[in-house]
Amino acid sequence: MPRSKNGPKAPQKNAEPKPSARNKRAEILTVATDYFGQQGYEDTKWADVAAAVGVGSTALYHYFESKLHCLYVIMAEAIEDFRQEFDQVTAELEFAEGLEAVLRAGFDLTEHEVQRNRVLVAEQGLVGSRRNSPREEEARQVARARTHDLEVVWATHLARGMQQGLVPEADPQLLARAVLGLYNSIFHWYRPGGILSLKEVEDFFVPRQLAMIGLADVRTG
């Protein structure tokens, strides 16, 4: 998505019929993600998101109770996407090939998806704080549970590789955290349009993730 000096560019409007509530919710999530990713969650004004979507500020509360509620939903949906991709790729391929494929898939991102990853990494700490609002707390619990489940899925898969003699014996949970942590670290500094392309970052990091797992002999390129 093109960026402007004043923030993320609002979606183009046209003469199509008024979108459904479901589509409007998705549009709010998309715009909020780009604002949070480019300007930072704390520096994003909820009213700016409303203006970019083309609704009044109060109308946003029909979809999300607060900016934080919206953030939790963004995080939960991002993690669910990672989980689905992991399940699909690893189910279709042999262990080593599947792991490399799923690691590389983590770099097959649109600019919007890069911003979503930036949000997920930068604001992960907010998932640990209990909320008084029932809707916020419910959304927080979903994001927290999905984060835990993704880590468990990775650890379980790595443990299976260890049982098959494909991965050196280690604590699978710590190994999963190390692999995911290395990947997450990228989005503290990577910027679309920067000095390095995402492909260059991929080609640097994936072999090192594989080496960390114990699959350094896997051919990458």
Protein backbone atom coordinates (compact mmCIF):
# COMPACT_ATOMS: atom_id res chain seq x y z
CA MET A 1 0.00 0.00 0.00
CA PRO A 2 1.48 3.39 -0.97
CA ARG A 3 2.42 5.61 1.94
CA SER A 4 2.00 9.35 2.27
CA LYS A 5 3.75 11.84 4.51
CA ASN A 6 0.66 12.01 6.67
CA GLY A 7 0.23 8.30 7.20
CA PRO A 8 -1.16 5.28 5.37
CA LYS A 9 -3.12 6.08 2.25
CA ALA A 10 -6.84 5.48 2.64
CA PRO A 11 -8.44 2.84 0.41
CA GLN A 12 -9.72 4.12 -2.91
CA LYS A 13 -13.44 4.84 -2.97
CA ASN A 14 -15.72 4.02 -5.89
CA ALA A 15 -19.34 3.93 -6.87
CA GLU A 16 -19.96 0.37 -5.75
CA PRO A 17 -22.85 -0.39 -3.38
CA LYS A 18 -22.36 0.29 0.30
CA PRO A 19 -20.21 -2.51 1.78
CA SER A 20 -21.66 -4.98 4.24
CA ALA A 21 -20.89 -4.73 7.94
CA ARG A 22 -18.53 -7.69 7.54
CA ASN A 23 -16.59 -5.94 4.77
CA LYS A 24 -16.49 -2.68 6.71
CA ARG A 25 -15.04 -4.52 9.70
CA ALA A 26 -12.35 -6.02 7.46
CA GLU A 27 -11.60 -2.57 6.04
CA ILE A 28 -11.20 -1.13 9.53
CA LEU A 29 -8.78 -3.92 10.44
CA THR A 30 -6.75 -3.33 7.26
CA VAL A 31 -6.50 0.42 7.75
CA ALA A 32 -5.80 0.13 11.48
CA THR A 33 -3.05 -2.41 10.81
CA ASP A 34 -1.30 -0.07 8.38
CA TYR A 35 -1.56 2.87 10.77
CA PHE A 36 -0.33 0.82 13.74
CA GLY A 37 2.52 -0.61 11.67
CA GLN A 38 3.72 2.65 10.16
CA GLN A 39 3.01 5.17 12.94
CA GLY A 40 2.97 2.90 15.98
CA TYR A 41 -0.02 1.82 18.04
CA GLU A 42 0.36 4.52 20.69
CA ASP A 43 0.77 7.30 18.11
CA THR A 44 -2.24 6.28 16.04
CA LYS A 45 -5.42 8.20 16.71
CA TRP A 46 -8.63 6.18 16.56
CA ALA A 47 -10.28 9.14 14.83
CA ASP A 48 -7.70 8.96 12.01
CA VAL A 49 -8.63 5.34 11.38
CA ALA A 50 -12.30 6.32 11.24
CA ALA A 51 -11.57 9.13 8.77
CA ALA A 52 -9.51 6.84 6.54
CA VAL A 53 -12.29 4.28 6.46
CA GLY A 54 -14.88 6.97 5.84
CA VAL A 55 -17.01 6.66 8.97
CA GLY A 56 -17.57 8.81 12.02
CA SER A 57 -15.50 8.08 15.10
CA THR A 58 -18.51 6.82 17.02
CA ALA A 59 -19.33 4.38 14.21
CA LEU A 60 -16.12 2.47 14.90
CA TYR A 61 -17.54 1.39 18.24
CA HIS A 62 -20.15 -0.66 16.42
CA TYR A 63 -17.31 -2.93 15.30
CA PHE A 64 -14.70 -2.54 18.05
CA GLU A 65 -15.06 -1.31 21.59
CA SER A 66 -11.73 0.49 21.48
CA LYS A 67 -8.45 0.85 19.65
CA LEU A 68 -7.01 -1.83 21.94
CA HIS A 69 -9.87 -4.21 21.14
CA CYS A 70 -9.09 -3.74 17.44
CA LEU A 71 -5.40 -4.40 18.09
CA TYR A 72 -6.13 -7.70 19.84
CA VAL A 73 -8.29 -8.82 16.92
CA ILE A 74 -5.52 -7.94 14.45
CA MET A 75 -3.04 -9.96 16.47
CA ALA A 76 -5.34 -12.95 16.86
CA GLU A 77 -6.12 -13.08 13.14
CA ALA A 78 -2.44 -12.78 12.21
CA ILE A 79 -1.47 -15.69 14.44
CA GLU A 80 -4.35 -17.79 13.12
CA ASP A 81 -3.09 -17.19 9.58
CA PHE A 82 0.40 -18.37 10.62
CA ARG A 83 -1.10 -21.49 12.21
CA GLN A 84 -3.15 -22.39 9.14
CA GLU A 85 -0.18 -21.91 6.83
CA PHE A 86 2.03 -24.02 9.08
CA ASP A 87 -0.50 -26.85 9.19
CA GLN A 88 -1.04 -26.81 5.44
CA VAL A 89 2.61 -26.69 4.41
CA THR A 90 3.94 -29.24 6.90
CA ALA A 91 1.11 -31.67 6.09
CA GLU A 92 1.94 -31.67 2.39
CA LEU A 93 5.73 -32.13 2.53
CA GLU A 94 8.35 -34.31 4.16
CA PHE A 95 9.76 -33.03 7.45
CA ALA A 96 12.92 -31.18 6.33
CA GLU A 97 11.39 -29.90 3.10
CA GLY A 98 8.26 -28.80 4.93
CA LEU A 99 10.19 -26.89 7.58
CA GLU A 100 12.18 -24.99 4.99
CA ALA A 101 9.01 -24.28 3.03
CA VAL A 102 7.17 -22.93 6.06
CA LEU A 103 10.14 -20.77 7.05
CA ARG A 104 10.34 -19.31 3.54
CA ALA A 105 6.59 -18.79 3.47
CA GLY A 106 7.09 -16.42 6.39
CA PHE A 107 8.84 -14.03 4.00
CA ASP A 108 6.30 -14.25 1.20
CA LEU A 109 4.56 -11.11 2.41
CA THR A 110 2.75 -8.12 1.00
CA GLU A 111 3.62 -4.72 2.42
CA HIS A 112 0.42 -4.86 4.44
CA GLU A 113 1.42 -8.23 5.90
CA VAL A 114 4.82 -6.80 6.83
CA GLN A 115 3.04 -4.03 8.73
CA ARG A 116 0.85 -6.60 10.45
CA ASN A 117 3.94 -8.51 11.58
CA ARG A 118 5.45 -5.28 12.88
CA VAL A 119 2.31 -4.70 14.94
CA LEU A 120 2.28 -8.25 16.23
CA VAL A 121 5.90 -8.07 17.39
CA ALA A 122 5.90 -4.50 18.69
CA GLU A 123 2.72 -4.83 20.75
CA GLN A 124 2.99 -8.43 21.94
CA GLY A 125 3.49 -7.27 25.51
CA LEU A 126 -0.07 -5.93 25.65
CA VAL A 127 -1.41 -9.47 25.42
CA GLY A 128 -0.11 -10.18 28.91
CA SER A 129 -2.13 -7.48 30.69
CA ARG A 130 -5.63 -8.38 31.88
CA ARG A 131 -8.37 -5.95 30.84
CA ASN A 132 -11.44 -4.80 32.77
CA SER A 133 -13.62 -4.52 29.69
CA PRO A 134 -15.26 -7.90 28.92
CA ARG A 135 -14.94 -7.44 25.13
CA GLU A 136 -11.30 -6.38 25.34
CA GLU A 137 -10.51 -9.20 27.74
CA GLU A 138 -12.19 -11.78 25.52
CA ALA A 139 -10.22 -10.57 22.48
CA ARG A 140 -7.00 -10.53 24.55
CA GLN A 141 -7.57 -14.10 25.70
CA VAL A 142 -8.10 -15.23 22.10
CA ALA A 143 -4.85 -13.57 20.97
CA ARG A 144 -2.98 -15.02 23.94
CA ALA A 145 -4.36 -18.53 23.42
CA ARG A 146 -3.49 -18.50 19.72
CA THR A 147 0.04 -17.34 20.49
CA HIS A 148 0.45 -20.23 22.92
CA ASP A 149 -1.08 -22.72 20.48
CA LEU A 150 1.26 -21.67 17.67
CA GLU A 151 4.26 -22.22 19.92
CA VAL A 152 2.92 -25.63 20.97
CA VAL A 153 2.37 -26.64 17.34
CA TRP A 154 5.96 -25.72 16.49
CA ALA A 155 7.35 -27.50 19.55
CA THR A 156 5.29 -30.62 18.85
CA HIS A 157 6.44 -30.72 15.24
CA LEU A 158 10.08 -30.30 16.22
CA ALA A 159 9.72 -33.02 18.87
CA ARG A 160 8.36 -35.32 16.18
CA GLY A 161 11.47 -34.61 14.10
CA MET A 162 13.63 -35.48 17.09
CA GLN A 163 11.79 -38.77 17.58
CA GLN A 164 12.40 -39.61 13.93
CA GLY A 165 16.10 -38.83 14.27
CA LEU A 166 15.85 -35.89 11.87
CA VAL A 167 16.56 -33.17 14.43
CA PRO A 168 19.22 -33.30 17.19
CA GLU A 169 17.78 -33.84 20.65
CA ALA A 170 16.99 -30.60 22.47
CA ASP A 171 14.20 -29.00 24.48
CA PRO A 172 11.56 -28.64 21.75
CA GLN A 173 9.81 -25.73 23.45
CA LEU A 174 13.02 -23.73 23.79
CA LEU A 175 13.97 -24.58 20.22
CA ALA A 176 10.57 -23.42 18.95
CA ARG A 177 10.92 -20.18 20.87
CA ALA A 178 14.41 -19.65 19.47
CA VAL A 179 13.29 -20.17 15.87
CA LEU A 180 10.20 -18.00 16.23
CA GLY A 181 12.13 -15.38 18.18
CA LEU A 182 14.74 -15.07 15.45
CA TYR A 183 11.99 -14.57 12.89
CA ASN A 184 10.12 -12.03 15.02
CA SER A 185 13.30 -10.00 15.55
CA ILE A 186 13.29 -9.08 11.85
CA PHE A 187 10.20 -6.94 12.21
CA HIS A 188 11.79 -4.68 14.80
CA TRP A 189 13.98 -3.22 12.06
CA TYR A 190 12.87 -4.33 8.60
CA ARG A 191 11.14 -1.67 6.50
CA PRO A 192 9.61 -2.18 3.05
CA GLY A 193 11.59 -0.18 0.53
CA GLY A 194 14.68 -0.14 2.73
CA ILE A 195 18.25 -1.07 1.89
CA LEU A 196 17.53 -4.81 2.00
CA SER A 197 14.79 -6.54 0.06
CA LEU A 198 12.65 -9.08 1.87
CA LYS A 199 14.15 -11.77 -0.38
CA GLU A 200 17.66 -10.83 0.78
CA VAL A 201 16.51 -11.02 4.39
CA GLU A 202 14.92 -14.40 3.71
CA ASP A 203 18.09 -15.80 2.14
CA PHE A 204 20.12 -14.67 5.15
CA PHE A 205 17.78 -15.83 7.91
CA VAL A 206 16.29 -19.10 6.65
CA PRO A 207 19.62 -21.02 6.48
CA ARG A 208 20.39 -19.83 10.01
CA GLN A 209 16.99 -20.91 11.29
CA LEU A 210 17.55 -24.32 9.70
CA ALA A 211 21.00 -24.52 11.27
CA MET A 212 19.49 -23.66 14.65
CA ILE A 213 17.05 -26.55 14.22
CA GLY A 214 19.86 -28.86 13.16
CA LEU A 215 19.07 -29.06 9.46
CA ALA A 216 22.10 -27.15 8.21
CA ASP A 217 22.58 -29.63 5.39
CA VAL A 218 19.26 -28.67 3.78
CA ARG A 219 19.90 -27.09 0.39
CA THR A 220 18.73 -23.48 0.29
CA GLY A 221 18.92 -20.98 -2.48
